[in-house]
Protein backbone atom coordinates (compact mmCIF):
# COMPACT_ATOMS: atom_id res chain seq x y z
CA MET A 1 60.88 -16.89 -26.19
CA ARG A 2 58.55 -15.34 -28.75
CA SER A 3 55.77 -17.62 -27.55
CA ARG A 4 56.38 -16.57 -23.96
CA PHE A 5 56.14 -12.85 -24.81
CA LEU A 6 52.96 -13.50 -26.76
CA SER A 7 51.42 -15.25 -23.76
CA ILE A 8 52.34 -12.36 -21.47
CA TRP A 9 50.95 -9.83 -23.94
CA LEU A 10 47.64 -11.70 -24.24
CA ALA A 11 47.37 -11.98 -20.46
CA ALA A 12 47.94 -8.22 -20.13
CA ILE A 13 45.25 -7.48 -22.71
CA ALA A 14 42.82 -9.75 -20.87
CA ALA A 15 43.55 -8.02 -17.56
CA LEU A 16 43.04 -4.57 -19.07
CA SER A 17 39.80 -5.70 -20.66
CA PHE A 18 38.57 -6.94 -17.31
CA LEU A 19 39.42 -3.63 -15.66
CA SER A 20 37.91 -1.54 -18.44
CA PHE A 21 34.71 -3.51 -18.87
CA PRO A 22 33.39 -4.80 -15.54
CA ALA A 23 30.99 -7.73 -15.51
CA ALA A 24 27.42 -6.77 -16.20
CA ALA A 25 25.24 -6.43 -13.10
CA SER A 26 22.61 -9.09 -12.55
CA GLU A 27 19.16 -8.38 -13.92
CA PRO A 28 16.74 -6.67 -11.52
CA ILE A 29 14.22 -8.94 -9.82
CA LYS A 30 10.91 -8.69 -11.66
CA VAL A 31 8.44 -8.23 -8.83
CA LYS A 32 5.00 -9.62 -9.59
CA VAL A 33 3.51 -9.06 -6.13
CA PHE A 34 4.93 -6.99 -3.28
CA ILE A 35 3.51 -7.71 0.17
CA ALA A 36 3.99 -4.97 2.76
CA ALA A 37 3.62 -5.49 6.49
CA MET A 38 4.13 -2.74 9.05
CA PHE A 39 5.63 -4.60 12.02
CA GLU A 40 6.73 -7.96 13.32
CA ILE A 41 6.73 -8.81 17.01
CA GLY A 42 9.92 -10.88 17.21
CA GLU A 43 11.48 -13.17 14.65
CA ASN A 44 10.15 -13.75 11.14
CA SER A 45 9.40 -17.37 11.99
CA GLY A 46 8.83 -19.66 14.94
CA ASP A 47 7.50 -17.33 17.63
CA ARG A 48 4.42 -15.18 18.20
CA ALA A 49 3.32 -13.90 14.81
CA GLY A 50 2.94 -10.23 14.00
CA GLU A 51 1.90 -8.89 10.60
CA PHE A 52 4.76 -10.41 8.60
CA GLN A 53 5.35 -13.92 9.94
CA ASN A 54 2.54 -15.81 8.20
CA TRP A 55 3.55 -14.30 4.87
CA TYR A 56 7.21 -15.06 5.51
CA GLU A 57 6.60 -18.70 6.37
CA ARG A 58 4.51 -19.15 3.21
CA TYR A 59 6.69 -17.37 0.66
CA TRP A 60 10.22 -16.62 1.93
CA LYS A 61 11.36 -19.17 4.51
CA ASP A 62 14.28 -20.16 2.27
CA ALA A 63 14.89 -16.68 0.82
CA LYS A 64 17.95 -14.58 1.61
CA PRO A 65 17.42 -11.04 2.93
CA ILE A 66 18.13 -8.23 0.48
CA GLU A 67 19.32 -5.13 2.30
CA VAL A 68 17.97 -1.85 0.93
CA LYS A 69 19.53 1.46 1.94
CA GLY A 70 16.86 3.64 3.53
CA ALA A 71 14.40 0.82 4.26
CA LEU A 72 13.62 -0.26 7.80
CA LYS A 73 13.97 -4.00 7.15
CA PRO A 74 15.31 -6.26 4.37
CA VAL A 75 13.28 -7.33 1.35
CA TYR A 76 12.66 -11.03 0.71
CA CYS A 77 11.86 -12.52 -2.70
CA ASN A 78 11.08 -16.00 -3.98
CA ASP A 79 11.52 -17.53 -7.42
CA GLU A 80 7.88 -16.80 -8.34
CA GLY A 81 8.35 -13.03 -8.13
CA VAL A 82 6.68 -12.57 -4.74
CA CYS A 83 8.60 -10.05 -2.63
CA GLY A 84 7.85 -8.45 0.71
CA ALA A 85 9.16 -6.51 3.66
CA VAL A 86 8.31 -4.93 6.99
CA LEU A 87 8.05 -1.21 6.27
CA GLY A 88 7.55 0.23 9.76
CA MET A 89 4.61 1.73 11.60
CA GLY A 90 3.16 5.15 10.83
CA LYS A 91 2.96 7.20 7.66
CA VAL A 92 6.50 8.58 7.54
CA ASN A 93 8.20 5.34 8.57
CA SER A 94 6.34 3.13 6.12
CA SER A 95 6.42 5.50 3.15
CA ALA A 96 10.15 6.15 3.59
CA SER A 97 10.80 2.41 3.41
CA MET A 98 8.53 1.98 0.40
CA GLN A 99 10.24 4.81 -1.47
CA ALA A 100 13.68 3.35 -0.80
CA ILE A 101 12.61 -0.08 -2.03
CA LEU A 102 10.93 1.25 -5.18
CA LEU A 103 14.05 3.22 -6.12
CA ASP A 104 16.49 0.39 -5.50
CA PRO A 105 17.89 -0.87 -8.84
CA ALA A 106 17.81 -4.45 -7.54
CA PHE A 107 14.07 -4.55 -8.27
CA ASN A 108 11.83 -4.03 -11.29
CA PHE A 109 8.41 -2.80 -10.16
CA SER A 110 7.13 -1.82 -13.60
CA LYS A 111 4.33 -4.42 -13.57
CA SER A 112 3.99 -5.12 -9.86
CA TYR A 113 0.87 -5.58 -7.78
CA TYR A 114 0.90 -4.51 -4.13
CA VAL A 115 -0.80 -5.95 -1.05
CA LEU A 116 -0.49 -3.47 1.82
CA SER A 117 -1.38 -5.56 4.85
CA GLY A 118 -1.70 -5.18 8.59
CA VAL A 119 -3.90 -5.02 11.65
CA ALA A 120 -6.37 -2.25 12.33
CA GLY A 121 -9.37 -1.01 14.27
CA THR A 122 -13.02 -0.93 13.27
CA PRO A 123 -16.14 0.88 14.51
CA PRO A 124 -18.45 -1.57 16.34
CA SER A 125 -21.37 -0.37 14.25
CA ARG A 126 -19.72 -1.79 11.11
CA GLY A 127 -17.25 -4.53 12.00
CA THR A 128 -15.86 -6.86 14.61
CA ILE A 129 -12.69 -8.45 15.94
CA GLY A 130 -11.27 -10.89 13.39
CA ASP A 131 -12.85 -9.23 10.35
CA VAL A 132 -10.73 -8.86 7.24
CA SER A 133 -11.33 -5.97 4.86
CA TRP A 134 -10.19 -4.93 1.40
CA ALA A 135 -10.12 -1.16 0.97
CA THR A 136 -12.26 0.44 -1.70
CA TRP A 137 -10.98 3.89 -0.73
CA LEU A 138 -8.01 5.15 1.27
CA VAL A 139 -8.50 8.43 3.11
CA ASP A 140 -5.89 10.47 4.99
CA TYR A 141 -7.40 11.34 8.36
CA ASP A 142 -4.84 13.99 9.31
CA LEU A 143 -4.78 16.43 6.38
CA GLY A 144 -7.03 19.36 7.18
CA HIS A 145 -7.96 21.92 9.84
CA ARG A 146 -9.13 21.01 13.37
CA TRP A 147 -10.13 22.93 16.47
CA ALA A 148 -11.30 22.17 19.99
CA PRO A 149 -15.03 21.31 20.23
CA GLU A 150 -15.71 24.17 22.66
CA GLU A 151 -14.38 26.61 20.06
CA GLY A 152 -17.00 25.68 17.46
CA LYS A 153 -20.76 25.26 17.37
CA PRO A 154 -22.09 22.55 19.70
CA GLY A 155 -22.60 19.22 17.94
CA GLU A 156 -20.97 20.26 14.67
CA PRO A 157 -17.83 18.64 13.19
CA VAL A 158 -14.48 20.04 14.27
CA PHE A 159 -12.77 19.31 10.97
CA MET A 160 -12.49 21.22 7.71
CA PRO A 161 -10.52 20.05 4.64
CA ARG A 162 -7.64 22.25 3.55
CA LYS A 163 -7.39 23.35 -0.07
CA GLY A 164 -4.40 22.00 -1.94
CA TYR A 165 -4.53 18.46 -0.57
CA GLU A 166 -7.04 17.13 -3.10
CA ASP A 167 -4.59 14.88 -4.97
CA TYR A 168 -3.20 13.09 -1.96
CA ARG A 169 -5.81 13.01 0.79
CA VAL A 170 -8.06 10.39 -0.82
CA PHE A 171 -7.45 7.48 -3.22
CA LYS A 172 -10.06 5.35 -4.92
CA LEU A 173 -8.54 1.94 -5.50
CA ASN A 174 -9.14 -0.05 -8.68
CA PRO A 175 -12.71 -1.43 -8.37
CA ASP A 176 -11.96 -4.35 -10.69
CA LEU A 177 -8.96 -5.39 -8.62
CA VAL A 178 -10.88 -5.08 -5.35
CA ALA A 179 -13.77 -7.08 -6.81
CA ALA A 180 -11.35 -9.81 -7.91
CA ALA A 181 -9.85 -9.94 -4.42
CA MET A 182 -13.32 -10.21 -2.88
CA ARG A 183 -14.23 -13.08 -5.20
CA LEU A 184 -11.05 -14.97 -4.40
CA GLY A 185 -11.65 -14.64 -0.66
CA LYS A 186 -15.39 -15.23 -0.44
CA ASP A 187 -15.09 -18.90 0.56
CA VAL A 188 -12.19 -18.53 2.99
CA LYS A 189 -13.05 -19.83 6.46
CA LEU A 190 -11.88 -17.24 8.96
CA GLU A 191 -10.47 -18.18 12.35
CA ASP A 192 -11.87 -17.00 15.68
CA SER A 193 -11.13 -17.30 19.40
CA THR A 194 -13.26 -17.84 22.49
CA GLU A 195 -11.78 -14.68 24.01
CA ALA A 196 -12.86 -12.57 21.04
CA GLN A 197 -16.31 -14.17 21.02
CA ALA A 198 -16.85 -13.23 24.67
CA TYR A 199 -15.43 -9.74 24.21
CA ARG A 200 -17.80 -8.95 21.33
CA MET A 201 -20.80 -9.43 23.59
CA ARG A 202 -19.83 -6.30 25.54
CA TYR A 203 -21.02 -4.26 22.57
CA PRO A 204 -24.73 -3.96 21.68
CA ASP A 205 -24.13 -3.52 17.95
CA LYS A 206 -25.16 -6.38 15.68
CA ALA A 207 -22.01 -5.95 13.58
CA ALA A 208 -19.79 -6.08 16.68
CA GLN A 209 -21.41 -9.30 17.93
CA SER A 210 -21.12 -11.09 14.58
CA ALA A 211 -18.54 -13.72 13.66
CA PRO A 212 -15.54 -12.56 11.60
CA SER A 213 -16.24 -12.02 7.92
CA LEU A 214 -14.75 -10.56 4.75
CA LYS A 215 -15.75 -6.95 4.07
CA GLU A 216 -14.85 -3.97 1.89
CA GLY A 217 -14.99 -0.25 2.56
CA THR A 218 -12.99 2.87 3.32
CA HIS A 219 -9.73 2.57 5.23
CA MET A 220 -8.84 5.70 7.20
CA THR A 221 -5.09 6.39 7.54
CA GLY A 222 -3.97 8.48 10.49
CA ASP A 223 -0.76 8.92 12.46
CA THR A 224 -3.03 9.82 15.35
CA PHE A 225 -4.42 6.70 17.03
CA PHE A 226 -7.82 8.35 17.26
CA HIS A 227 -10.27 6.72 19.64
CA GLY A 228 -13.76 7.10 21.04
CA PRO A 229 -17.24 7.58 19.57
CA GLY A 230 -16.67 11.26 18.83
CA LEU A 231 -13.59 10.77 16.67
CA SER A 232 -15.10 7.66 15.08
CA LYS A 233 -18.04 9.82 14.04
CA GLU A 234 -15.59 12.40 12.68
CA ALA A 235 -13.84 9.71 10.60
CA GLN A 236 -17.17 8.78 9.04
CA TYR A 237 -17.88 12.47 8.40
CA ILE A 238 -14.53 12.90 6.60
CA SER A 239 -15.13 9.78 4.54
CA LYS A 240 -18.48 11.07 3.35
CA LEU A 241 -17.14 14.60 2.86
CA TYR A 242 -14.63 13.19 0.35
CA GLY A 243 -17.20 11.05 -1.46
CA ALA A 244 -15.70 7.77 -0.26
CA ASP A 245 -17.51 4.68 1.00
CA ASP A 246 -18.46 4.18 4.64
CA TYR A 247 -15.57 4.32 7.08
CA LEU A 248 -14.76 0.72 8.02
CA ILE A 249 -11.10 0.53 9.09
CA THR A 250 -8.70 2.78 10.98
CA GLU A 251 -4.98 2.23 10.31
CA MET A 252 -1.75 4.19 10.12
CA GLU A 253 0.01 3.66 6.79
CA ALA A 254 -1.85 2.76 3.59
CA ALA A 255 -2.69 6.21 2.19
CA SER A 256 0.91 7.41 2.50
CA ILE A 257 2.37 4.24 0.97
CA THR A 258 -0.14 4.53 -1.86
CA LEU A 259 0.98 8.09 -2.60
CA VAL A 260 4.59 6.91 -2.90
CA ILE A 261 3.61 4.14 -5.31
CA LYS A 262 1.25 6.43 -7.25
CA ARG A 263 3.98 8.92 -8.11
CA GLN A 264 5.93 6.24 -9.96
CA PHE A 265 3.44 3.60 -11.05
CA GLY A 266 -0.12 4.78 -10.39
CA THR A 267 -2.69 3.12 -8.15
CA ASP A 268 -4.34 0.56 -10.43
CA ARG A 269 -2.43 -2.37 -8.92
CA ILE A 270 -2.65 -1.50 -5.23
CA LEU A 271 -4.66 -3.48 -2.67
CA SER A 272 -4.99 -2.61 1.01
CA LEU A 273 -5.82 -5.54 3.30
CA ARG A 274 -6.53 -5.09 6.99
CA GLY A 275 -7.69 -7.24 9.87
CA ALA A 276 -9.56 -5.77 12.84
CA VAL A 277 -7.93 -6.45 16.22
CA ASN A 278 -9.72 -3.74 18.18
CA PHE A 279 -12.79 -1.54 18.16
CA ASP A 280 -12.22 2.18 17.65
CA GLN A 281 -14.14 2.96 20.86
CA GLY A 282 -15.04 1.43 24.19
CA ASN A 283 -18.24 -0.37 25.04
CA PRO A 284 -21.07 1.51 26.82
CA SER A 285 -19.75 0.43 30.24
CA GLU A 286 -16.27 1.93 29.92
CA THR A 287 -14.67 5.25 29.14
CA THR A 288 -12.47 5.88 26.13
CA LEU A 289 -9.38 6.05 28.36
CA GLN A 290 -10.28 2.73 30.00
CA HIS A 291 -10.55 1.16 26.58
CA LEU A 292 -7.22 2.60 25.47
CA ASP A 293 -5.45 1.28 28.59
CA PRO A 294 -7.35 -1.87 29.58
CA ALA A 295 -6.76 -3.72 32.82
CA PRO A 296 -5.19 -7.20 32.64
CA GLY A 297 -7.65 -9.67 31.17
CA GLU A 298 -9.80 -6.95 29.62
CA THR A 299 -8.28 -6.95 26.13
CA ALA A 300 -10.18 -8.05 23.04
CA GLY A 301 -8.28 -11.25 22.27
CA GLY A 302 -8.19 -12.69 18.78
CA PHE A 303 -4.92 -11.10 17.66
CA ALA A 304 -3.28 -14.35 16.52
CA GLU A 305 -6.44 -15.38 14.70
CA THR A 306 -6.75 -12.01 12.97
CA VAL A 307 -3.20 -11.91 11.61
CA LYS A 308 -3.78 -15.46 10.35
CA ASN A 309 -7.04 -14.34 8.72
CA ILE A 310 -5.24 -11.53 6.89
CA TYR A 311 -2.89 -14.09 5.39
CA LEU A 312 -5.70 -16.58 4.63
CA VAL A 313 -7.58 -13.94 2.64
CA GLY A 314 -4.55 -12.39 0.96
CA ALA A 315 -2.65 -15.51 -0.11
CA PRO A 316 -5.23 -16.65 -2.71
CA VAL A 317 -4.87 -13.28 -4.43
CA VAL A 318 -1.08 -13.48 -4.45
CA ASP A 319 -1.19 -17.04 -5.75
CA GLU A 320 -3.76 -16.25 -8.43
CA ILE A 321 -1.66 -13.39 -9.81
CA THR A 322 1.62 -15.31 -9.86
CA THR A 323 0.18 -18.62 -11.08
CA HIS A 324 -1.71 -16.97 -13.93
CA TRP A 325 0.76 -14.18 -14.67
CA ASP A 326 0.01 -14.42 -18.37
CA LYS A 327 -3.48 -13.09 -17.57
CA TRP A 328 -2.44 -10.51 -14.98
CA GLU A 329 0.77 -9.09 -16.43
CA ALA A 330 -0.99 -6.51 -18.61
CA GLY A 331 -3.54 -5.57 -15.95
CA VAL A 332 -6.52 -6.91 -14.05
CA PRO A 333 -8.25 -9.51 -16.25
CA ASN A 334 -11.97 -9.40 -16.90
CA ALA A 335 -14.09 -11.44 -14.52
CA GLU A 336 -15.00 -14.81 -15.97
């Protein structure tokens, strides 16, 4: 009998201990590289690829989705510390998702690198369909004052920067990190399509007619899908006004995502990678509205090849960081 009471007493103590001291939560995932895409067309695998699918099939095909409250889509992680997600299009959508993911206790971002990837536009004077570009600067296109052209002096810019936005309207990305990314991608053979090759010939610019290549320059972030030679010229004006490099890419998310990351971890480990799927203006034989709403068969082509090129250029950087983490953990290593 005494033995029986002792057994019951020990069982009760064990039960109370379990209730009082719950099992420790699993350790947060140590994220080495976070890859952000802005949209996917359909499924993550097996159909027409958007911005996320090539990354997913390389790094997360066997990974389970991790739901994050406040994020648009789940996060995926592999055993090498490569994580990624679709954040959503536009500044508010993408930055809200990024903030939710960064604050989720399931992840440890204290030493993470970021590849903010997606499709974009480019001015025909500087780039072409299929190009892939690493950002040297990120500039917010929207923050400032604007007025109608007829309300200003003829031929002068219709934009003026607003005081108070200095700390979050322009970001210079880590030159050493960008240089490392350029080195790792310099020998990548980019894909092209016959449709894109034919489409390029509609533009007289040498850059527009060239084969796809790897470039670097300023990426302009705007919620407004600005279009036409006038607004392209304005984007270049803003870029120079802020002391950034030449305007090369127009996109809708990177500056806002960078601000979210900066407030917690700084910008030294951020890369922005974009592929050009359209020109930011029509050719000399069409109006801006015709270019924005092309007739069937009049589109640029090359979308599938461009999203593949983004992945082809970005993957060597991701693999270099994770494979040689001992060199990258403390920061960007010196060039050898």
